[in-house]
């Protein structure tokens, strides 16, 4: 379904908020949640998983968010992504971790294994 919401002016948080509001994902996974500003854009009804070993959440996030204070490599080595999402695939993911190609590629592969054909993965 094409995006037909209000115009987005360029800030990535605005785009992320618009994508959440438009797609209303059942599940959302974020790698690199830092202060929580981006994960806070998730819809209240979404099952939210955040991963970041050094996060310092400084804003209100979904009360039911499942936050993992570890590296994404540790998370995917020790958890079944779909199981953490109550058996559902990842509908929307945002990879904003180490900002190095090899880490982003590894994160993409791990997210993709837990996604469906309709999933959206933002890098």
PDB file of N, CA and C in Angstrom:
ATOM      1  N   UNK A   1       0.845  -1.169   0.000  1.00  0.00           N
ATOM      2  CA  UNK A   1       0.000   0.000   0.000  1.00  0.00           C
ATOM      3  C   UNK A   1       0.897   1.241   0.000  1.00  0.00           C
ATOM      4  N   UNK A   2       0.747   2.140  -0.944  1.00  0.00           N
ATOM      5  CA  UNK A   2       1.588   3.334  -0.989  1.00  0.00           C
ATOM      6  C   UNK A   2       1.274   4.278   0.167  1.00  0.00           C
ATOM      7  N   UNK A   3       2.287   5.019   0.584  1.00  0.00           N
ATOM      8  CA  UNK A   3       2.115   6.005   1.650  1.00  0.00           C
ATOM      9  C   UNK A   3       1.324   7.188   1.116  1.00  0.00           C
ATOM     10  N   UNK A   4       0.229   7.519   1.793  1.00  0.00           N
ATOM     11  CA  UNK A   4      -0.612   8.648   1.368  1.00  0.00           C
ATOM     12  C   UNK A   4      -0.884   9.607   2.526  1.00  0.00           C
ATOM     13  N   UNK A   5       0.006   9.595   3.522  1.00  0.00           N
ATOM     14  CA  UNK A   5      -0.162  10.468   4.675  1.00  0.00           C
ATOM     15  C   UNK A   5       0.335  11.866   4.399  1.00  0.00           C
ATOM     16  N   UNK A   6       0.491  12.654   5.467  1.00  0.00           N
ATOM     17  CA  UNK A   6       0.976  14.031   5.301  1.00  0.00           C
ATOM     18  C   UNK A   6       2.407  14.034   4.782  1.00  0.00           C
ATOM     19  N   UNK A   7       2.813  15.103   4.120  1.00  0.00           N
ATOM     20  CA  UNK A   7       4.179  15.159   3.608  1.00  0.00           C
ATOM     21  C   UNK A   7       5.194  15.109   4.746  1.00  0.00           C
ATOM     22  N   UNK A   8       6.314  14.473   4.489  1.00  0.00           N
ATOM     23  CA  UNK A   8       7.386  14.354   5.465  1.00  0.00           C
ATOM     24  C   UNK A   8       8.499  15.288   5.026  1.00  0.00           C
ATOM     25  N   UNK A   9       8.983  16.133   5.946  1.00  0.00           N
ATOM     26  CA  UNK A   9       9.938  17.175   5.574  1.00  0.00           C
ATOM     27  C   UNK A   9      11.387  16.747   5.628  1.00  0.00           C
ATOM     28  N   UNK A  10      11.701  15.578   6.146  1.00  0.00           N
ATOM     29  CA  UNK A  10      13.076  15.137   6.064  1.00  0.00           C
ATOM     30  C   UNK A  10      13.700  14.589   7.324  1.00  0.00           C
ATOM     31  N   UNK A  11      13.257  14.947   8.503  1.00  0.00           N
ATOM     32  CA  UNK A  11      13.860  14.415   9.720  1.00  0.00           C
ATOM     33  C   UNK A  11      13.433  12.955   9.884  1.00  0.00           C
ATOM     34  N   UNK A  12      14.390  12.089  10.173  1.00  0.00           N
ATOM     35  CA  UNK A  12      14.081  10.665  10.200  1.00  0.00           C
ATOM     36  C   UNK A  12      13.033  10.293  11.253  1.00  0.00           C
ATOM     37  N   UNK A  13      12.961  11.013  12.371  1.00  0.00           N
ATOM     38  CA  UNK A  13      11.938  10.701  13.374  1.00  0.00           C
ATOM     39  C   UNK A  13      10.538  10.997  12.844  1.00  0.00           C
ATOM     40  N   UNK A  14      10.424  12.051  12.049  1.00  0.00           N
ATOM     41  CA  UNK A  14       9.142  12.389  11.433  1.00  0.00           C
ATOM     42  C   UNK A  14       8.725  11.294  10.450  1.00  0.00           C
ATOM     43  N   UNK A  15       9.681  10.827   9.658  1.00  0.00           N
ATOM     44  CA  UNK A  15       9.404   9.742   8.718  1.00  0.00           C
ATOM     45  C   UNK A  15       9.018   8.470   9.463  1.00  0.00           C
ATOM     46  N   UNK A  16       9.751   8.148  10.503  1.00  0.00           N
ATOM     47  CA  UNK A  16       9.462   6.951  11.289  1.00  0.00           C
ATOM     48  C   UNK A  16       8.066   7.026  11.908  1.00  0.00           C
ATOM     49  N   UNK A  17       7.712   8.176  12.459  1.00  0.00           N
ATOM     50  CA  UNK A  17       6.379   8.353  13.036  1.00  0.00           C
ATOM     51  C   UNK A  17       5.297   8.174  11.975  1.00  0.00           C
ATOM     52  N   UNK A  18       5.511   8.761  10.799  1.00  0.00           N
ATOM     53  CA  UNK A  18       4.532   8.630   9.719  1.00  0.00           C
ATOM     54  C   UNK A  18       4.390   7.176   9.274  1.00  0.00           C
ATOM     55  N   UNK A  19       5.491   6.451   9.186  1.00  0.00           N
ATOM     56  CA  UNK A  19       5.426   5.034   8.800  1.00  0.00           C
ATOM     57  C   UNK A  19       4.661   4.207   9.830  1.00  0.00           C
ATOM     58  N   UNK A  20       4.909   4.482  11.096  1.00  0.00           N
ATOM     59  CA  UNK A  20       4.165   3.766  12.145  1.00  0.00           C
ATOM     60  C   UNK A  20       2.670   4.061  12.047  1.00  0.00           C
ATOM     61  N   UNK A  21       2.323   5.337  11.894  1.00  0.00           N
ATOM     62  CA  UNK A  21       0.911   5.716  11.835  1.00  0.00           C
ATOM     63  C   UNK A  21       0.224   5.162  10.595  1.00  0.00           C
ATOM     64  N   UNK A  22       0.940   5.118   9.495  1.00  0.00           N
ATOM     65  CA  UNK A  22       0.366   4.633   8.244  1.00  0.00           C
ATOM     66  C   UNK A  22       0.212   3.109   8.238  1.00  0.00           C
ATOM     67  N   UNK A  23       1.250   2.405   8.663  1.00  0.00           N
ATOM     68  CA  UNK A  23       1.233   0.939   8.537  1.00  0.00           C
ATOM     69  C   UNK A  23       0.680   0.225   9.766  1.00  0.00           C
ATOM     70  N   UNK A  24       0.676   0.900  10.926  1.00  0.00           N
ATOM     71  CA  UNK A  24       0.176   0.306  12.178  1.00  0.00           C
ATOM     72  C   UNK A  24       0.718  -1.119  12.336  1.00  0.00           C
ATOM     73  N   UNK A  25       2.070  -1.284  12.389  1.00  0.00           N
ATOM     74  CA  UNK A  25       2.631  -2.635  12.440  1.00  0.00           C
ATOM     75  C   UNK A  25       2.231  -3.374  13.704  1.00  0.00           C
ATOM     76  N   UNK A  26       1.980  -4.643  13.535  1.00  0.00           N
ATOM     77  CA  UNK A  26       1.665  -5.503  14.688  1.00  0.00           C
ATOM     78  C   UNK A  26       2.900  -5.639  15.565  1.00  0.00           C
ATOM     79  N   UNK A  27       4.094  -5.724  14.902  1.00  0.00           N
ATOM     80  CA  UNK A  27       5.352  -5.883  15.626  1.00  0.00           C
ATOM     81  C   UNK A  27       6.384  -4.895  15.095  1.00  0.00           C
ATOM     82  N   UNK A  28       7.231  -4.429  15.999  1.00  0.00           N
ATOM     83  CA  UNK A  28       8.284  -3.475  15.637  1.00  0.00           C
ATOM     84  C   UNK A  28       9.541  -3.833  16.399  1.00  0.00           C
ATOM     85  N   UNK A  29      10.663  -3.922  15.692  1.00  0.00           N
ATOM     86  CA  UNK A  29      11.951  -4.205  16.313  1.00  0.00           C
ATOM     87  C   UNK A  29      12.919  -3.106  15.928  1.00  0.00           C
ATOM     88  N   UNK A  30      13.642  -2.601  16.928  1.00  0.00           N
ATOM     89  CA  UNK A  30      14.603  -1.537  16.684  1.00  0.00           C
ATOM     90  C   UNK A  30      15.953  -1.919  17.276  1.00  0.00           C
ATOM     91  N   UNK A  31      16.984  -1.771  16.467  1.00  0.00           N
ATOM     92  CA  UNK A  31      18.354  -2.001  16.913  1.00  0.00           C
ATOM     93  C   UNK A  31      19.028  -0.642  16.992  1.00  0.00           C
ATOM     94  N   UNK A  32      19.473  -0.281  18.201  1.00  0.00           N
ATOM     95  CA  UNK A  32      20.113   1.012  18.406  1.00  0.00           C
ATOM     96  C   UNK A  32      19.125   2.048  18.887  1.00  0.00           C
ATOM     97  N   UNK A  33      18.498   1.821  20.022  1.00  0.00           N
ATOM     98  CA  UNK A  33      17.434   2.725  20.480  1.00  0.00           C
ATOM     99  C   UNK A  33      17.940   3.947  21.245  1.00  0.00           C
ATOM    100  N   UNK A  34      19.191   3.980  21.605  1.00  0.00           N
ATOM    101  CA  UNK A  34      19.849   5.102  22.268  1.00  0.00           C
ATOM    102  C   UNK A  34      18.978   5.769  23.330  1.00  0.00           C
ATOM    103  N   UNK A  35      18.457   6.973  23.112  1.00  0.00           N
ATOM    104  CA  UNK A  35      17.675   7.689  24.129  1.00  0.00           C
ATOM    105  C   UNK A  35      16.188   7.330  24.092  1.00  0.00           C
ATOM    106  N   UNK A  36      15.782   6.558  23.098  1.00  0.00           N
ATOM    107  CA  UNK A  36      14.394   6.136  23.009  1.00  0.00           C
ATOM    108  C   UNK A  36      13.514   6.988  22.120  1.00  0.00           C
ATOM    109  N   UNK A  37      14.051   8.054  21.544  1.00  0.00           N
ATOM    110  CA  UNK A  37      13.219   8.934  20.713  1.00  0.00           C
ATOM    111  C   UNK A  37      12.610   8.203  19.525  1.00  0.00           C
ATOM    112  N   UNK A  38      13.369   7.335  18.905  1.00  0.00           N
ATOM    113  CA  UNK A  38      12.843   6.638  17.730  1.00  0.00           C
ATOM    114  C   UNK A  38      11.897   5.510  18.121  1.00  0.00           C
ATOM    115  N   UNK A  39      12.210   4.775  19.148  1.00  0.00           N
ATOM    116  CA  UNK A  39      11.331   3.672  19.567  1.00  0.00           C
ATOM    117  C   UNK A  39      10.021   4.210  20.139  1.00  0.00           C
ATOM    118  N   UNK A  40      10.051   5.448  20.626  1.00  0.00           N
ATOM    119  CA  UNK A  40       8.837   6.084  21.150  1.00  0.00           C
ATOM    120  C   UNK A  40       7.820   6.375  20.059  1.00  0.00           C
ATOM    121  N   UNK A  41       8.214   6.305  18.791  1.00  0.00           N
ATOM    122  CA  UNK A  41       7.301   6.557  17.674  1.00  0.00           C
ATOM    123  C   UNK A  41       6.358   5.384  17.424  1.00  0.00           C
ATOM    124  N   UNK A  42       6.640   4.228  18.023  1.00  0.00           N
ATOM    125  CA  UNK A  42       5.821   3.030  17.806  1.00  0.00           C
ATOM    126  C   UNK A  42       4.397   3.242  18.304  1.00  0.00           C
ATOM    127  N   UNK A  43       3.470   2.622  17.622  1.00  0.00           N
ATOM    128  CA  UNK A  43       2.062   2.694  18.008  1.00  0.00           C
ATOM    129  C   UNK A  43       1.847   1.927  19.311  1.00  0.00           C
ATOM    130  N   UNK A  44       0.927   2.378  20.143  1.00  0.00           N
ATOM    131  CA  UNK A  44       0.701   1.718  21.432  1.00  0.00           C
ATOM    132  C   UNK A  44       0.286   0.254  21.303  1.00  0.00           C
ATOM    133  N   UNK A  45      -0.361  -0.091  20.206  1.00  0.00           N
ATOM    134  CA  UNK A  45      -0.824  -1.475  20.055  1.00  0.00           C
ATOM    135  C   UNK A  45       0.245  -2.408  19.482  1.00  0.00           C
ATOM    136  N   UNK A  46       1.380  -1.867  19.050  1.00  0.00           N
ATOM    137  CA  UNK A  46       2.448  -2.688  18.489  1.00  0.00           C
ATOM    138  C   UNK A  46       3.207  -3.422  19.591  1.00  0.00           C
ATOM    139  N   UNK A  47       3.628  -4.642  19.289  1.00  0.00           N
ATOM    140  CA  UNK A  47       4.563  -5.348  20.153  1.00  0.00           C
ATOM    141  C   UNK A  47       5.937  -4.789  19.801  1.00  0.00           C
ATOM    142  N   UNK A  48       6.604  -4.178  20.770  1.00  0.00           N
ATOM    143  CA  UNK A  48       7.837  -3.445  20.514  1.00  0.00           C
ATOM    144  C   UNK A  48       9.018  -4.130  21.194  1.00  0.00           C
ATOM    145  N   UNK A  49      10.089  -4.333  20.420  1.00  0.00           N
ATOM    146  CA  UNK A  49      11.341  -4.868  20.943  1.00  0.00           C
ATOM    147  C   UNK A  49      12.446  -3.885  20.598  1.00  0.00           C
ATOM    148  N   UNK A  50      13.210  -3.482  21.603  1.00  0.00           N
ATOM    149  CA  UNK A  50      14.342  -2.589  21.407  1.00  0.00           C
ATOM    150  C   UNK A  50      15.613  -3.260  21.884  1.00  0.00           C
ATOM    151  N   UNK A  51      16.688  -3.059  21.118  1.00  0.00           N
ATOM    152  CA  UNK A  51      17.968  -3.688  21.425  1.00  0.00           C
ATOM    153  C   UNK A  51      19.060  -2.621  21.389  1.00  0.00           C
ATOM    154  N   UNK A  52      19.812  -2.504  22.498  1.00  0.00           N
ATOM    155  CA  UNK A  52      20.926  -1.556  22.545  1.00  0.00           C
ATOM    156  C   UNK A  52      21.699  -1.813  23.841  1.00  0.00           C
ATOM    157  N   UNK A  53      23.004  -2.094  23.744  1.00  0.00           N
ATOM    158  CA  UNK A  53      23.760  -2.394  24.966  1.00  0.00           C
ATOM    159  C   UNK A  53      24.012  -1.174  25.850  1.00  0.00           C
ATOM    160  N   UNK A  54      23.932   0.013  25.300  1.00  0.00           N
ATOM    161  CA  UNK A  54      24.249   1.216  26.068  1.00  0.00           C
ATOM    162  C   UNK A  54      23.130   2.246  26.008  1.00  0.00           C
ATOM    163  N   UNK A  55      21.914   1.786  25.885  1.00  0.00           N
ATOM    164  CA  UNK A  55      20.783   2.714  25.796  1.00  0.00           C
ATOM    165  C   UNK A  55      20.631   3.493  27.095  1.00  0.00           C
ATOM    166  N   UNK A  56      20.216   4.727  26.956  1.00  0.00           N
ATOM    167  CA  UNK A  56      19.901   5.590  28.092  1.00  0.00           C
ATOM    168  C   UNK A  56      18.549   6.217  27.780  1.00  0.00           C
ATOM    169  N   UNK A  57      17.492   5.449  27.967  1.00  0.00           N
ATOM    170  CA  UNK A  57      16.141   5.878  27.605  1.00  0.00           C
ATOM    171  C   UNK A  57      15.785   7.138  28.394  1.00  0.00           C
ATOM    172  N   UNK A  58      15.480   8.200  27.662  1.00  0.00           N
ATOM    173  CA  UNK A  58      15.206   9.493  28.286  1.00  0.00           C
ATOM    174  C   UNK A  58      13.836  10.028  27.924  1.00  0.00           C
ATOM    175  N   UNK A  59      12.996   9.204  27.315  1.00  0.00           N
ATOM    176  CA  UNK A  59      11.651   9.655  26.968  1.00  0.00           C
ATOM    177  C   UNK A  59      10.678   8.500  27.184  1.00  0.00           C
ATOM    178  N   UNK A  60       9.410   8.820  27.135  1.00  0.00           N
ATOM    179  CA  UNK A  60       8.379   7.819  27.378  1.00  0.00           C
ATOM    180  C   UNK A  60       8.263   6.884  26.175  1.00  0.00           C
ATOM    181  N   UNK A  61       8.373   5.587  26.445  1.00  0.00           N
ATOM    182  CA  UNK A  61       8.196   4.583  25.403  1.00  0.00           C
ATOM    183  C   UNK A  61       7.003   3.707  25.776  1.00  0.00           C
ATOM    184  N   UNK A  62       6.523   2.948  24.810  1.00  0.00           N
ATOM    185  CA  UNK A  62       5.417   2.026  25.030  1.00  0.00           C
ATOM    186  C   UNK A  62       5.669   1.230  26.312  1.00  0.00           C
ATOM    187  N   UNK A  63       4.739   1.259  27.253  1.00  0.00           N
ATOM    188  CA  UNK A  63       4.911   0.609  28.550  1.00  0.00           C
ATOM    189  C   UNK A  63       5.163  -0.890  28.429  1.00  0.00           C
ATOM    190  N   UNK A  64       4.678  -1.495  27.359  1.00  0.00           N
ATOM    191  CA  UNK A  64       4.863  -2.930  27.161  1.00  0.00           C
ATOM    192  C   UNK A  64       6.092  -3.258  26.323  1.00  0.00           C
ATOM    193  N   UNK A  65       6.923  -2.273  26.035  1.00  0.00           N
ATOM    194  CA  UNK A  65       8.116  -2.508  25.222  1.00  0.00           C
ATOM    195  C   UNK A  65       9.015  -3.525  25.904  1.00  0.00           C
ATOM    196  N   UNK A  66       9.627  -4.351  25.083  1.00  0.00           N
ATOM    197  CA  UNK A  66      10.553  -5.366  25.575  1.00  0.00           C
ATOM    198  C   UNK A  66      11.952  -4.892  25.201  1.00  0.00           C
ATOM    199  N   UNK A  67      12.662  -4.364  26.191  1.00  0.00           N
ATOM    200  CA  UNK A  67      13.959  -3.749  25.952  1.00  0.00           C
ATOM    201  C   UNK A  67      15.076  -4.700  26.367  1.00  0.00           C
ATOM    202  N   UNK A  68      16.061  -4.851  25.486  1.00  0.00           N
ATOM    203  CA  UNK A  68      17.187  -5.733  25.714  1.00  0.00           C
ATOM    204  C   UNK A  68      18.456  -4.897  25.687  1.00  0.00           C
ATOM    205  N   UNK A  69      19.136  -4.834  26.826  1.00  0.00           N
ATOM    206  CA  UNK A  69      20.339  -4.028  26.955  1.00  0.00           C
ATOM    207  C   UNK A  69      21.561  -4.910  26.692  1.00  0.00           C
ATOM    208  N   UNK A  70      21.693  -5.257  25.407  1.00  0.00           N
ATOM    209  CA  UNK A  70      22.777  -6.103  24.938  1.00  0.00           C
ATOM    210  C   UNK A  70      22.999  -5.812  23.465  1.00  0.00           C
ATOM    211  N   UNK A  71      24.091  -6.333  22.930  1.00  0.00           N
ATOM    212  CA  UNK A  71      24.344  -6.111  21.506  1.00  0.00           C
ATOM    213  C   UNK A  71      23.332  -6.905  20.695  1.00  0.00           C
ATOM    214  N   UNK A  72      23.148  -6.509  19.461  1.00  0.00           N
ATOM    215  CA  UNK A  72      22.226  -7.243  18.591  1.00  0.00           C
ATOM    216  C   UNK A  72      22.752  -8.653  18.329  1.00  0.00           C
ATOM    217  N   UNK A  73      24.076  -8.813  18.228  1.00  0.00           N
ATOM    218  CA  UNK A  73      24.644 -10.148  18.061  1.00  0.00           C
ATOM    219  C   UNK A  73      24.284 -11.038  19.251  1.00  0.00           C
ATOM    220  N   UNK A  74      24.395 -10.508  20.459  1.00  0.00           N
ATOM    221  CA  UNK A  74      24.029 -11.272  21.661  1.00  0.00           C
ATOM    222  C   UNK A  74      22.537 -11.586  21.669  1.00  0.00           C
ATOM    223  N   UNK A  75      21.735 -10.597  21.298  1.00  0.00           N
ATOM    224  CA  UNK A  75      20.287 -10.818  21.275  1.00  0.00           C
ATOM    225  C   UNK A  75      19.921 -11.964  20.336  1.00  0.00           C
ATOM    226  N   UNK A  76      20.380 -11.895  19.089  1.00  0.00           N
ATOM    227  CA  UNK A  76      19.986 -12.913  18.108  1.00  0.00           C
ATOM    228  C   UNK A  76      20.625 -14.268  18.389  1.00  0.00           C
ATOM    229  N   UNK A  77      21.754 -14.288  19.083  1.00  0.00           N
ATOM    230  CA  UNK A  77      22.370 -15.566  19.464  1.00  0.00           C
ATOM    231  C   UNK A  77      21.599 -16.239  20.594  1.00  0.00           C
ATOM    232  N   UNK A  78      20.963 -15.442  21.433  1.00  0.00           N
ATOM    233  CA  UNK A  78      20.295 -15.994  22.601  1.00  0.00           C
ATOM    234  C   UNK A  78      18.786 -15.994  22.586  1.00  0.00           C
ATOM    235  N   UNK A  79      18.174 -15.422  21.561  1.00  0.00           N
ATOM    236  CA  UNK A  79      16.715 -15.320  21.516  1.00  0.00           C
ATOM    237  C   UNK A  79      16.196 -15.692  20.135  1.00  0.00           C
ATOM    238  N   UNK A  80      15.032 -16.274  20.111  1.00  0.00           N
ATOM    239  CA  UNK A  80      14.297 -16.481  18.865  1.00  0.00           C
ATOM    240  C   UNK A  80      13.453 -15.218  18.675  1.00  0.00           C
ATOM    241  N   UNK A  81      13.757 -14.445  17.639  1.00  0.00           N
ATOM    242  CA  UNK A  81      13.068 -13.172  17.421  1.00  0.00           C
ATOM    243  C   UNK A  81      11.565 -13.296  17.375  1.00  0.00           C
ATOM    244  N   UNK A  82      11.064 -14.324  16.705  1.00  0.00           N
ATOM    245  CA  UNK A  82       9.605 -14.492  16.619  1.00  0.00           C
ATOM    246  C   UNK A  82       9.009 -14.854  17.978  1.00  0.00           C
ATOM    247  N   UNK A  83       9.735 -15.626  18.752  1.00  0.00           N
ATOM    248  CA  UNK A  83       9.232 -15.995  20.077  1.00  0.00           C
ATOM    249  C   UNK A  83       9.116 -14.760  20.966  1.00  0.00           C
ATOM    250  N   UNK A  84      10.099 -13.867  20.894  1.00  0.00           N
ATOM    251  CA  UNK A  84      10.056 -12.622  21.668  1.00  0.00           C
ATOM    252  C   UNK A  84       8.870 -11.760  21.236  1.00  0.00           C
ATOM    253  N   UNK A  85       8.444 -11.920  19.981  1.00  0.00           N
ATOM    254  CA  UNK A  85       7.308 -11.170  19.434  1.00  0.00           C
ATOM    255  C   UNK A  85       6.024 -11.995  19.471  1.00  0.00           C
ATOM    256  N   UNK A  86       5.914 -12.859  20.458  1.00  0.00           N
ATOM    257  CA  UNK A  86       4.718 -13.689  20.663  1.00  0.00           C
ATOM    258  C   UNK A  86       4.386 -14.563  19.453  1.00  0.00           C
ATOM    259  N   UNK A  87       5.425 -15.043  18.767  1.00  0.00           N
ATOM    260  CA  UNK A  87       5.226 -15.943  17.635  1.00  0.00           C
ATOM    261  C   UNK A  87       4.986 -15.252  16.303  1.00  0.00           C
ATOM    262  N   UNK A  88       5.028 -13.929  16.289  1.00  0.00           N
ATOM    263  CA  UNK A  88       4.774 -13.166  15.067  1.00  0.00           C
ATOM    264  C   UNK A  88       6.080 -12.788  14.369  1.00  0.00           C
ATOM    265  N   UNK A  89       6.037 -12.610  13.055  1.00  0.00           N
ATOM    266  CA  UNK A  89       7.216 -12.089  12.358  1.00  0.00           C
ATOM    267  C   UNK A  89       7.361 -10.593  12.637  1.00  0.00           C
ATOM    268  N   UNK A  90       8.527 -10.068  12.338  1.00  0.00           N
ATOM    269  CA  UNK A  90       8.770  -8.629  12.443  1.00  0.00           C
ATOM    270  C   UNK A  90       8.047  -7.951  11.278  1.00  0.00           C
ATOM    271  N   UNK A  91       7.140  -7.032  11.586  1.00  0.00           N
ATOM    272  CA  UNK A  91       6.448  -6.279  10.535  1.00  0.00           C
ATOM    273  C   UNK A  91       7.255  -5.062  10.097  1.00  0.00           C
ATOM    274  N   UNK A  92       7.849  -4.372  11.073  1.00  0.00           N
ATOM    275  CA  UNK A  92       8.629  -3.175  10.791  1.00  0.00           C
ATOM    276  C   UNK A  92       9.871  -3.222  11.666  1.00  0.00           C
ATOM    277  N   UNK A  93      11.022  -2.963  11.066  1.00  0.00           N
ATOM    278  CA  UNK A  93      12.283  -2.934  11.811  1.00  0.00           C
ATOM    279  C   UNK A  93      13.069  -1.700  11.417  1.00  0.00           C
ATOM    280  N   UNK A  94      13.819  -1.186  12.379  1.00  0.00           N
ATOM    281  CA  UNK A  94      14.707  -0.055  12.153  1.00  0.00           C
ATOM    282  C   UNK A  94      16.087  -0.445  12.657  1.00  0.00           C
ATOM    283  N   UNK A  95      17.040  -0.552  11.741  1.00  0.00           N
ATOM    284  CA  UNK A  95      18.417  -0.903  12.082  1.00  0.00           C
ATOM    285  C   UNK A  95      19.209   0.394  12.152  1.00  0.00           C
ATOM    286  N   UNK A  96      19.572   0.780  13.372  1.00  0.00           N
ATOM    287  CA  UNK A  96      20.290   2.030  13.599  1.00  0.00           C
ATOM    288  C   UNK A  96      21.375   1.796  14.643  1.00  0.00           C
ATOM    289  N   UNK A  97      22.130   0.713  14.446  1.00  0.00           N
ATOM    290  CA  UNK A  97      23.120   0.304  15.431  1.00  0.00           C
ATOM    291  C   UNK A  97      24.482   0.927  15.227  1.00  0.00           C
ATOM    292  N   UNK A  98      25.477   0.095  14.962  1.00  0.00           N
ATOM    293  CA  UNK A  98      26.878   0.508  14.933  1.00  0.00           C
ATOM    294  C   UNK A  98      27.263   1.420  13.760  1.00  0.00           C
ATOM    295  N   UNK A  99      26.443   1.527  12.747  1.00  0.00           N
ATOM    296  CA  UNK A  99      26.692   2.401  11.592  1.00  0.00           C
ATOM    297  C   UNK A  99      27.913   1.985  10.782  1.00  0.00           C
ATOM    298  N   UNK A 100      28.266   0.722  10.843  1.00  0.00           N
ATOM    299  CA  UNK A 100      29.321   0.154  10.017  1.00  0.00           C
ATOM    300  C   UNK A 100      28.707  -0.933   9.159  1.00  0.00           C
ATOM    301  N   UNK A 101      29.154  -1.022   7.909  1.00  0.00           N
ATOM    302  CA  UNK A 101      28.547  -1.940   6.953  1.00  0.00           C
ATOM    303  C   UNK A 101      28.434  -3.359   7.486  1.00  0.00           C
ATOM    304  N   UNK A 102      29.513  -3.903   8.033  1.00  0.00           N
ATOM    305  CA  UNK A 102      29.492  -5.303   8.458  1.00  0.00           C
ATOM    306  C   UNK A 102      28.483  -5.558   9.580  1.00  0.00           C
ATOM    307  N   UNK A 103      28.283  -4.586  10.470  1.00  0.00           N
ATOM    308  CA  UNK A 103      27.289  -4.737  11.534  1.00  0.00           C
ATOM    309  C   UNK A 103      25.875  -4.607  10.970  1.00  0.00           C
ATOM    310  N   UNK A 104      25.670  -3.615  10.115  1.00  0.00           N
ATOM    311  CA  UNK A 104      24.342  -3.414   9.517  1.00  0.00           C
ATOM    312  C   UNK A 104      23.937  -4.624   8.680  1.00  0.00           C
ATOM    313  N   UNK A 105      24.881  -5.205   7.941  1.00  0.00           N
ATOM    314  CA  UNK A 105      24.575  -6.393   7.142  1.00  0.00           C
ATOM    315  C   UNK A 105      24.197  -7.569   8.037  1.00  0.00           C
ATOM    316  N   UNK A 106      24.955  -7.770   9.102  1.00  0.00           N
ATOM    317  CA  UNK A 106      24.644  -8.861  10.038  1.00  0.00           C
ATOM    318  C   UNK A 106      23.276  -8.626  10.690  1.00  0.00           C
ATOM    319  N   UNK A 107      23.006  -7.391  11.087  1.00  0.00           N
ATOM    320  CA  UNK A 107      21.692  -7.076  11.661  1.00  0.00           C
ATOM    321  C   UNK A 107      20.584  -7.324  10.646  1.00  0.00           C
ATOM    322  N   UNK A 108      20.801  -6.895   9.394  1.00  0.00           N
ATOM    323  CA  UNK A 108      19.802  -7.113   8.350  1.00  0.00           C
ATOM    324  C   UNK A 108      19.503  -8.601   8.188  1.00  0.00           C
ATOM    325  N   UNK A 109      20.537  -9.409   8.128  1.00  0.00           N
ATOM    326  CA  UNK A 109      20.335 -10.860   7.980  1.00  0.00           C
ATOM    327  C   UNK A 109      19.565 -11.440   9.154  1.00  0.00           C
ATOM    328  N   UNK A 110      19.895 -11.008  10.360  1.00  0.00           N
ATOM    329  CA  UNK A 110      19.180 -11.507  11.537  1.00  0.00           C
ATOM    330  C   UNK A 110      17.724 -11.067  11.545  1.00  0.00           C
ATOM    331  N   UNK A 111      17.472  -9.820  11.181  1.00  0.00           N
ATOM    332  CA  UNK A 111      16.092  -9.332  11.115  1.00  0.00           C
ATOM    333  C   UNK A 111      15.332 -10.075  10.019  1.00  0.00           C
ATOM    334  N   UNK A 112      15.958 -10.220   8.865  1.00  0.00           N
ATOM    335  CA  UNK A 112      15.300 -10.886   7.735  1.00  0.00           C
ATOM    336  C   UNK A 112      14.864 -12.310   8.084  1.00  0.00           C
ATOM    337  N   UNK A 113      15.668 -13.017   8.866  1.00  0.00           N
ATOM    338  CA  UNK A 113      15.301 -14.381   9.283  1.00  0.00           C
ATOM    339  C   UNK A 113      14.025 -14.413  10.120  1.00  0.00           C
ATOM    340  N   UNK A 114      13.702 -13.287  10.727  1.00  0.00           N
ATOM    341  CA  UNK A 114      12.522 -13.202  11.587  1.00  0.00           C
ATOM    342  C   UNK A 114      11.413 -12.360  10.971  1.00  0.00           C
ATOM    343  N   UNK A 115      11.508 -12.116   9.684  1.00  0.00           N
ATOM    344  CA  UNK A 115      10.545 -11.270   8.980  1.00  0.00           C
ATOM    345  C   UNK A 115       9.665 -12.108   8.062  1.00  0.00           C
ATOM    346  N   UNK A 116       8.732 -11.451   7.418  1.00  0.00           N
ATOM    347  CA  UNK A 116       7.883 -12.102   6.419  1.00  0.00           C
ATOM    348  C   UNK A 116       8.089 -11.380   5.076  1.00  0.00           C
ATOM    349  N   UNK A 117       7.426 -11.852   4.070  1.00  0.00           N
ATOM    350  CA  UNK A 117       7.543 -11.230   2.739  1.00  0.00           C
ATOM    351  C   UNK A 117       7.003  -9.801   2.734  1.00  0.00           C
ATOM    352  N   UNK A 118       6.119  -9.472   3.665  1.00  0.00           N
ATOM    353  CA  UNK A 118       5.517  -8.147   3.722  1.00  0.00           C
ATOM    354  C   UNK A 118       6.245  -7.196   4.670  1.00  0.00           C
ATOM    355  N   UNK A 119       7.274  -7.648   5.330  1.00  0.00           N
ATOM    356  CA  UNK A 119       7.988  -6.831   6.312  1.00  0.00           C
ATOM    357  C   UNK A 119       8.698  -5.650   5.654  1.00  0.00           C
ATOM    358  N   UNK A 120       8.872  -4.601   6.438  1.00  0.00           N
ATOM    359  CA  UNK A 120       9.629  -3.429   6.007  1.00  0.00           C
ATOM    360  C   UNK A 120      10.813  -3.300   6.952  1.00  0.00           C
ATOM    361  N   UNK A 121      12.021  -3.213   6.366  1.00  0.00           N
ATOM    362  CA  UNK A 121      13.238  -3.069   7.165  1.00  0.00           C
ATOM    363  C   UNK A 121      13.895  -1.757   6.759  1.00  0.00           C
ATOM    364  N   UNK A 122      14.021  -0.872   7.723  1.00  0.00           N
ATOM    365  CA  UNK A 122      14.654   0.441   7.518  1.00  0.00           C
ATOM    366  C   UNK A 122      16.085   0.394   8.019  1.00  0.00           C
ATOM    367  N   UNK A 123      16.996   0.888   7.209  1.00  0.00           N
ATOM    368  CA  UNK A 123      18.415   0.905   7.614  1.00  0.00           C
ATOM    369  C   UNK A 123      18.894   2.343   7.587  1.00  0.00           C
TER     370      UNK A 123
END
